[in-house]
Amino acid sequence: MDRKTVAAAIESTLLKPEASSAQIQALCDEAIALSLGGVCVSPYFVKEARRRLEGHSVRIVSVAGFPLGYNHTSGKVE
């Protein structure tokens, strides 16, 4: 496997509850620079990541009910 293939299979993740907007932007910038396959962010930061990654092939991944899944189904759907 070459570097490009491996990088495209990697998702960089930042799910800390105390993550800042600046950290999310840095995560996205790093993913772009390294040609990663995606970034995984909390639902709160999905829109921000989408704006930062616009025009790039990096996918956005998020979570529902993380880390313990104690949310109601309606909240996860939203």
PDB file of N, CA and C in Angstrom:
ATOM      1  N   MET A   1       0.825  -1.179   0.000  1.00  0.00           N
ATOM      2  CA  MET A   1       0.000   0.000   0.000  1.00  0.00           C
ATOM      3  C   MET A   1       0.875   1.250   0.000  1.00  0.00           C
ATOM      4  N   ASP A   2       0.447   2.242  -0.745  1.00  0.00           N
ATOM      5  CA  ASP A   2       1.195   3.493  -0.747  1.00  0.00           C
ATOM      6  C   ASP A   2       0.621   4.469   0.288  1.00  0.00           C
ATOM      7  N   ARG A   3       1.339   5.552   0.517  1.00  0.00           N
ATOM      8  CA  ARG A   3       0.957   6.541   1.521  1.00  0.00           C
ATOM      9  C   ARG A   3      -0.430   7.128   1.264  1.00  0.00           C
ATOM     10  N   LYS A   4      -0.749   7.431   0.014  1.00  0.00           N
ATOM     11  CA  LYS A   4      -2.030   8.043  -0.328  1.00  0.00           C
ATOM     12  C   LYS A   4      -3.195   7.112   0.025  1.00  0.00           C
ATOM     13  N   THR A   5      -3.047   5.840  -0.246  1.00  0.00           N
ATOM     14  CA  THR A   5      -4.091   4.861   0.054  1.00  0.00           C
ATOM     15  C   THR A   5      -4.304   4.734   1.562  1.00  0.00           C
ATOM     16  N   VAL A   6      -3.199   4.697   2.297  1.00  0.00           N
ATOM     17  CA  VAL A   6      -3.294   4.582   3.754  1.00  0.00           C
ATOM     18  C   VAL A   6      -3.928   5.849   4.334  1.00  0.00           C
ATOM     19  N   ALA A   7      -3.483   7.012   3.908  1.00  0.00           N
ATOM     20  CA  ALA A   7      -4.020   8.275   4.433  1.00  0.00           C
ATOM     21  C   ALA A   7      -5.523   8.377   4.184  1.00  0.00           C
ATOM     22  N   ALA A   8      -5.974   7.951   3.025  1.00  0.00           N
ATOM     23  CA  ALA A   8      -7.400   8.033   2.682  1.00  0.00           C
ATOM     24  C   ALA A   8      -8.252   7.117   3.550  1.00  0.00           C
ATOM     25  N   ALA A   9      -7.643   6.155   4.214  1.00  0.00           N
ATOM     26  CA  ALA A   9      -8.380   5.225   5.073  1.00  0.00           C
ATOM     27  C   ALA A   9      -8.399   5.674   6.541  1.00  0.00           C
ATOM     28  N   ILE A  10      -7.743   6.787   6.845  1.00  0.00           N
ATOM     29  CA  ILE A  10      -7.627   7.254   8.226  1.00  0.00           C
ATOM     30  C   ILE A  10      -8.606   8.387   8.500  1.00  0.00           C
ATOM     31  N   GLU A  11      -9.241   8.325   9.670  1.00  0.00           N
ATOM     32  CA  GLU A  11     -10.078   9.422  10.158  1.00  0.00           C
ATOM     33  C   GLU A  11      -9.440   9.955  11.435  1.00  0.00           C
ATOM     34  N   SER A  12      -9.176  11.225  11.472  1.00  0.00           N
ATOM     35  CA  SER A  12      -8.635  11.859  12.666  1.00  0.00           C
ATOM     36  C   SER A  12      -9.814  12.268  13.553  1.00  0.00           C
ATOM     37  N   THR A  13      -9.695  12.046  14.847  1.00  0.00           N
ATOM     38  CA  THR A  13     -10.829  12.224  15.755  1.00  0.00           C
ATOM     39  C   THR A  13     -10.532  13.220  16.862  1.00  0.00           C
ATOM     40  N   LEU A  14     -11.526  14.074  17.151  1.00  0.00           N
ATOM     41  CA  LEU A  14     -11.456  14.970  18.306  1.00  0.00           C
ATOM     42  C   LEU A  14     -12.845  15.028  18.925  1.00  0.00           C
ATOM     43  N   LEU A  15     -13.052  14.238  19.963  1.00  0.00           N
ATOM     44  CA  LEU A  15     -14.365  14.154  20.618  1.00  0.00           C
ATOM     45  C   LEU A  15     -14.337  14.605  22.070  1.00  0.00           C
ATOM     46  N   LYS A  16     -13.266  15.261  22.496  1.00  0.00           N
ATOM     47  CA  LYS A  16     -13.196  15.738  23.874  1.00  0.00           C
ATOM     48  C   LYS A  16     -14.316  16.749  24.124  1.00  0.00           C
ATOM     49  N   PRO A  17     -14.998  16.655  25.242  1.00  0.00           N
ATOM     50  CA  PRO A  17     -16.072  17.607  25.523  1.00  0.00           C
ATOM     51  C   PRO A  17     -15.575  19.047  25.612  1.00  0.00           C
ATOM     52  N   GLU A  18     -14.305  19.231  25.938  1.00  0.00           N
ATOM     53  CA  GLU A  18     -13.761  20.584  26.073  1.00  0.00           C
ATOM     54  C   GLU A  18     -13.082  21.086  24.792  1.00  0.00           C
ATOM     55  N   ALA A  19     -13.265  20.383  23.694  1.00  0.00           N
ATOM     56  CA  ALA A  19     -12.657  20.794  22.420  1.00  0.00           C
ATOM     57  C   ALA A  19     -13.115  22.202  22.046  1.00  0.00           C
ATOM     58  N   SER A  20     -12.192  22.965  21.499  1.00  0.00           N
ATOM     59  CA  SER A  20     -12.510  24.343  21.105  1.00  0.00           C
ATOM     60  C   SER A  20     -12.665  24.441  19.592  1.00  0.00           C
ATOM     61  N   SER A  21     -13.232  25.535  19.161  1.00  0.00           N
ATOM     62  CA  SER A  21     -13.385  25.813  17.744  1.00  0.00           C
ATOM     63  C   SER A  21     -12.020  25.826  17.054  1.00  0.00           C
ATOM     64  N   ALA A  22     -11.040  26.429  17.698  1.00  0.00           N
ATOM     65  CA  ALA A  22      -9.686  26.485  17.128  1.00  0.00           C
ATOM     66  C   ALA A  22      -9.106  25.085  16.955  1.00  0.00           C
ATOM     67  N   GLN A  23      -9.360  24.196  17.899  1.00  0.00           N
ATOM     68  CA  GLN A  23      -8.861  22.824  17.789  1.00  0.00           C
ATOM     69  C   GLN A  23      -9.542  22.076  16.649  1.00  0.00           C
ATOM     70  N   ILE A  24     -10.828  22.305  16.454  1.00  0.00           N
ATOM     71  CA  ILE A  24     -11.560  21.665  15.355  1.00  0.00           C
ATOM     72  C   ILE A  24     -11.018  22.161  14.019  1.00  0.00           C
ATOM     73  N   GLN A  25     -10.774  23.461  13.931  1.00  0.00           N
ATOM     74  CA  GLN A  25     -10.223  24.015  12.693  1.00  0.00           C
ATOM     75  C   GLN A  25      -8.844  23.440  12.418  1.00  0.00           C
ATOM     76  N   ALA A  26      -8.017  23.293  13.454  1.00  0.00           N
ATOM     77  CA  ALA A  26      -6.690  22.703  13.291  1.00  0.00           C
ATOM     78  C   ALA A  26      -6.798  21.238  12.857  1.00  0.00           C
ATOM     79  N   LEU A  27      -7.750  20.509  13.426  1.00  0.00           N
ATOM     80  CA  LEU A  27      -7.980  19.116  13.034  1.00  0.00           C
ATOM     81  C   LEU A  27      -8.307  19.030  11.553  1.00  0.00           C
ATOM     82  N   CYS A  28      -9.200  19.898  11.091  1.00  0.00           N
ATOM     83  CA  CYS A  28      -9.588  19.909   9.681  1.00  0.00           C
ATOM     84  C   CYS A  28      -8.419  20.297   8.782  1.00  0.00           C
ATOM     85  N   ASP A  29      -7.666  21.302   9.189  1.00  0.00           N
ATOM     86  CA  ASP A  29      -6.509  21.735   8.397  1.00  0.00           C
ATOM     87  C   ASP A  29      -5.481  20.619   8.271  1.00  0.00           C
ATOM     88  N   GLU A  30      -5.259  19.894   9.363  1.00  0.00           N
ATOM     89  CA  GLU A  30      -4.314  18.777   9.336  1.00  0.00           C
ATOM     90  C   GLU A  30      -4.813  17.669   8.405  1.00  0.00           C
ATOM     91  N   ALA A  31      -6.117  17.392   8.470  1.00  0.00           N
ATOM     92  CA  ALA A  31      -6.691  16.354   7.603  1.00  0.00           C
ATOM     93  C   ALA A  31      -6.528  16.727   6.128  1.00  0.00           C
ATOM     94  N   ILE A  32      -6.705  17.999   5.819  1.00  0.00           N
ATOM     95  CA  ILE A  32      -6.514  18.470   4.442  1.00  0.00           C
ATOM     96  C   ILE A  32      -5.048  18.300   4.042  1.00  0.00           C
ATOM     97  N   ALA A  33      -4.143  18.765   4.897  1.00  0.00           N
ATOM     98  CA  ALA A  33      -2.708  18.719   4.593  1.00  0.00           C
ATOM     99  C   ALA A  33      -2.203  17.294   4.387  1.00  0.00           C
ATOM    100  N   LEU A  34      -2.771  16.350   5.150  1.00  0.00           N
ATOM    101  CA  LEU A  34      -2.320  14.957   5.070  1.00  0.00           C
ATOM    102  C   LEU A  34      -3.169  14.103   4.128  1.00  0.00           C
ATOM    103  N   SER A  35      -4.181  14.712   3.514  1.00  0.00           N
ATOM    104  CA  SER A  35      -5.109  13.994   2.618  1.00  0.00           C
ATOM    105  C   SER A  35      -5.779  12.815   3.317  1.00  0.00           C
ATOM    106  N   LEU A  36      -6.217  13.048   4.566  1.00  0.00           N
ATOM    107  CA  LEU A  36      -6.890  11.989   5.313  1.00  0.00           C
ATOM    108  C   LEU A  36      -8.289  11.750   4.758  1.00  0.00           C
ATOM    109  N   GLY A  37      -8.836  10.598   5.090  1.00  0.00           N
ATOM    110  CA  GLY A  37     -10.161  10.241   4.610  1.00  0.00           C
ATOM    111  C   GLY A  37     -11.275  10.991   5.307  1.00  0.00           C
ATOM    112  N   GLY A  38     -11.071  11.353   6.570  1.00  0.00           N
ATOM    113  CA  GLY A  38     -12.140  12.027   7.280  1.00  0.00           C
ATOM    114  C   GLY A  38     -11.712  12.571   8.621  1.00  0.00           C
ATOM    115  N   VAL A  39     -12.617  13.329   9.218  1.00  0.00           N
ATOM    116  CA  VAL A  39     -12.469  13.800  10.593  1.00  0.00           C
ATOM    117  C   VAL A  39     -13.727  13.402  11.349  1.00  0.00           C
ATOM    118  N   CYS A  40     -13.565  13.033  12.600  1.00  0.00           N
ATOM    119  CA  CYS A  40     -14.701  12.680  13.447  1.00  0.00           C
ATOM    120  C   CYS A  40     -14.807  13.732  14.539  1.00  0.00           C
ATOM    121  N   VAL A  41     -15.944  14.419  14.567  1.00  0.00           N
ATOM    122  CA  VAL A  41     -16.177  15.492  15.532  1.00  0.00           C
ATOM    123  C   VAL A  41     -17.533  15.294  16.195  1.00  0.00           C
ATOM    124  N   SER A  42     -17.728  15.955  17.323  1.00  0.00           N
ATOM    125  CA  SER A  42     -19.024  15.875  17.993  1.00  0.00           C
ATOM    126  C   SER A  42     -20.073  16.583  17.137  1.00  0.00           C
ATOM    127  N   PRO A  43     -21.352  16.239  17.315  1.00  0.00           N
ATOM    128  CA  PRO A  43     -22.411  16.867  16.513  1.00  0.00           C
ATOM    129  C   PRO A  43     -22.384  18.396  16.570  1.00  0.00           C
ATOM    130  N   TYR A  44     -21.980  18.950  17.697  1.00  0.00           N
ATOM    131  CA  TYR A  44     -21.912  20.398  17.860  1.00  0.00           C
ATOM    132  C   TYR A  44     -21.010  21.055  16.815  1.00  0.00           C
ATOM    133  N   PHE A  45     -19.950  20.358  16.385  1.00  0.00           N
ATOM    134  CA  PHE A  45     -18.964  20.941  15.477  1.00  0.00           C
ATOM    135  C   PHE A  45     -19.118  20.510  14.015  1.00  0.00           C
ATOM    136  N   VAL A  46     -20.154  19.767  13.687  1.00  0.00           N
ATOM    137  CA  VAL A  46     -20.314  19.284  12.305  1.00  0.00           C
ATOM    138  C   VAL A  46     -20.404  20.440  11.312  1.00  0.00           C
ATOM    139  N   LYS A  47     -21.223  21.443  11.598  1.00  0.00           N
ATOM    140  CA  LYS A  47     -21.372  22.573  10.672  1.00  0.00           C
ATOM    141  C   LYS A  47     -20.050  23.316  10.492  1.00  0.00           C
ATOM    142  N   GLU A  48     -19.331  23.510  11.573  1.00  0.00           N
ATOM    143  CA  GLU A  48     -18.047  24.201  11.486  1.00  0.00           C
ATOM    144  C   GLU A  48     -17.041  23.398  10.653  1.00  0.00           C
ATOM    145  N   ALA A  49     -16.995  22.096  10.892  1.00  0.00           N
ATOM    146  CA  ALA A  49     -16.093  21.245  10.113  1.00  0.00           C
ATOM    147  C   ALA A  49     -16.485  21.263   8.639  1.00  0.00           C
ATOM    148  N   ARG A  50     -17.772  21.247   8.360  1.00  0.00           N
ATOM    149  CA  ARG A  50     -18.242  21.276   6.972  1.00  0.00           C
ATOM    150  C   ARG A  50     -17.778  22.553   6.269  1.00  0.00           C
ATOM    151  N   ARG A  51     -17.907  23.678   6.960  1.00  0.00           N
ATOM    152  CA  ARG A  51     -17.440  24.951   6.380  1.00  0.00           C
ATOM    153  C   ARG A  51     -15.937  24.916   6.121  1.00  0.00           C
ATOM    154  N   ARG A  52     -15.181  24.398   7.089  1.00  0.00           N
ATOM    155  CA  ARG A  52     -13.707  24.379   6.969  1.00  0.00           C
ATOM    156  C   ARG A  52     -13.247  23.422   5.873  1.00  0.00           C
ATOM    157  N   LEU A  53     -13.995  22.344   5.649  1.00  0.00           N
ATOM    158  CA  LEU A  53     -13.584  21.318   4.687  1.00  0.00           C
ATOM    159  C   LEU A  53     -14.222  21.492   3.311  1.00  0.00           C
ATOM    160  N   GLU A  54     -15.010  22.538   3.145  1.00  0.00           N
ATOM    161  CA  GLU A  54     -15.687  22.763   1.862  1.00  0.00           C
ATOM    162  C   GLU A  54     -14.662  22.809   0.725  1.00  0.00           C
ATOM    163  N   GLY A  55     -14.962  22.052  -0.336  1.00  0.00           N
ATOM    164  CA  GLY A  55     -14.074  22.006  -1.483  1.00  0.00           C
ATOM    165  C   GLY A  55     -12.973  20.965  -1.379  1.00  0.00           C
ATOM    166  N   HIS A  56     -12.946  20.233  -0.284  1.00  0.00           N
ATOM    167  CA  HIS A  56     -11.939  19.181  -0.086  1.00  0.00           C
ATOM    168  C   HIS A  56     -12.636  17.828  -0.007  1.00  0.00           C
ATOM    169  N   SER A  57     -11.885  16.777  -0.214  1.00  0.00           N
ATOM    170  CA  SER A  57     -12.479  15.435  -0.234  1.00  0.00           C
ATOM    171  C   SER A  57     -12.549  14.782   1.146  1.00  0.00           C
ATOM    172  N   VAL A  58     -12.145  15.475   2.185  1.00  0.00           N
ATOM    173  CA  VAL A  58     -12.174  14.930   3.546  1.00  0.00           C
ATOM    174  C   VAL A  58     -13.621  14.810   4.001  1.00  0.00           C
ATOM    175  N   ARG A  59     -14.014  13.600   4.444  1.00  0.00           N
ATOM    176  CA  ARG A  59     -15.378  13.359   4.914  1.00  0.00           C
ATOM    177  C   ARG A  59     -15.518  13.770   6.379  1.00  0.00           C
ATOM    178  N   ILE A  60     -16.754  14.037   6.771  1.00  0.00           N
ATOM    179  CA  ILE A  60     -17.051  14.366   8.161  1.00  0.00           C
ATOM    180  C   ILE A  60     -17.829  13.202   8.773  1.00  0.00           C
ATOM    181  N   VAL A  61     -17.361  12.756   9.917  1.00  0.00           N
ATOM    182  CA  VAL A  61     -17.987  11.677  10.669  1.00  0.00           C
ATOM    183  C   VAL A  61     -18.382  12.260  12.019  1.00  0.00           C
ATOM    184  N   SER A  62     -19.511  11.819  12.562  1.00  0.00           N
ATOM    185  CA  SER A  62     -19.908  12.278  13.887  1.00  0.00           C
ATOM    186  C   SER A  62     -20.425  11.097  14.694  1.00  0.00           C
ATOM    187  N   VAL A  63     -20.905  11.382  15.862  1.00  0.00           N
ATOM    188  CA  VAL A  63     -21.364  10.347  16.789  1.00  0.00           C
ATOM    189  C   VAL A  63     -22.777  10.684  17.271  1.00  0.00           C
ATOM    190  N   ALA A  64     -23.478   9.684  17.745  1.00  0.00           N
ATOM    191  CA  ALA A  64     -24.804   9.880  18.337  1.00  0.00           C
ATOM    192  C   ALA A  64     -24.822   9.176  19.685  1.00  0.00           C
ATOM    193  N   GLY A  65     -25.105   9.935  20.728  1.00  0.00           N
ATOM    194  CA  GLY A  65     -25.156   9.340  22.055  1.00  0.00           C
ATOM    195  C   GLY A  65     -23.802   8.963  22.614  1.00  0.00           C
ATOM    196  N   PHE A  66     -22.758   9.600  22.171  1.00  0.00           N
ATOM    197  CA  PHE A  66     -21.400   9.296  22.617  1.00  0.00           C
ATOM    198  C   PHE A  66     -21.150   9.942  23.974  1.00  0.00           C
ATOM    199  N   PRO A  67     -20.504   9.330  24.902  1.00  0.00           N
ATOM    200  CA  PRO A  67     -19.860   8.036  24.812  1.00  0.00           C
ATOM    201  C   PRO A  67     -20.689   6.870  25.332  1.00  0.00           C
ATOM    202  N   LEU A  68     -21.756   7.134  26.062  1.00  0.00           N
ATOM    203  CA  LEU A  68     -22.464   6.032  26.708  1.00  0.00           C
ATOM    204  C   LEU A  68     -23.804   5.685  26.074  1.00  0.00           C
ATOM    205  N   GLY A  69     -24.292   6.494  25.149  1.00  0.00           N
ATOM    206  CA  GLY A  69     -25.533   6.186  24.451  1.00  0.00           C
ATOM    207  C   GLY A  69     -26.797   6.417  25.246  1.00  0.00           C
ATOM    208  N   TYR A  70     -26.718   7.232  26.283  1.00  0.00           N
ATOM    209  CA  TYR A  70     -27.882   7.436  27.145  1.00  0.00           C
ATOM    210  C   TYR A  70     -28.912   8.418  26.608  1.00  0.00           C
ATOM    211  N   ASN A  71     -28.727   8.928  25.403  1.00  0.00           N
ATOM    212  CA  ASN A  71     -29.686   9.852  24.816  1.00  0.00           C
ATOM    213  C   ASN A  71     -30.927   9.089  24.349  1.00  0.00           C
ATOM    214  N   HIS A  72     -32.064   9.791  24.302  1.00  0.00           N
ATOM    215  CA  HIS A  72     -33.272   9.199  23.740  1.00  0.00           C
ATOM    216  C   HIS A  72     -33.097   9.069  22.233  1.00  0.00           C
ATOM    217  N   THR A  73     -33.806   8.150  21.631  1.00  0.00           N
ATOM    218  CA  THR A  73     -33.723   7.914  20.195  1.00  0.00           C
ATOM    219  C   THR A  73     -34.033   9.185  19.413  1.00  0.00           C
ATOM    220  N   SER A  74     -35.024   9.961  19.842  1.00  0.00           N
ATOM    221  CA  SER A  74     -35.371  11.195  19.125  1.00  0.00           C
ATOM    222  C   SER A  74     -34.200  12.177  19.106  1.00  0.00           C
ATOM    223  N   GLY A  75     -33.441  12.238  20.179  1.00  0.00           N
ATOM    224  CA  GLY A  75     -32.269  13.098  20.215  1.00  0.00           C
ATOM    225  C   GLY A  75     -31.165  12.615  19.298  1.00  0.00           C
ATOM    226  N   LYS A  76     -31.004  11.320  19.202  1.00  0.00           N
ATOM    227  CA  LYS A  76     -29.994  10.763  18.295  1.00  0.00           C
ATOM    228  C   LYS A  76     -30.377  11.015  16.839  1.00  0.00           C
ATOM    229  N   VAL A  77     -31.658  10.909  16.542  1.00  0.00           N
ATOM    230  CA  VAL A  77     -32.138  11.141  15.168  1.00  0.00           C
ATOM    231  C   VAL A  77     -31.918  12.600  14.787  1.00  0.00           C
ATOM    232  N   GLU A  78     -32.213  13.507  15.717  1.00  0.00           N
ATOM    233  CA  GLU A  78     -32.044  14.937  15.437  1.00  0.00           C
ATOM    234  C   GLU A  78     -30.620  15.240  15.098  1.00  0.00           C
TER     235      GLU A  78
END
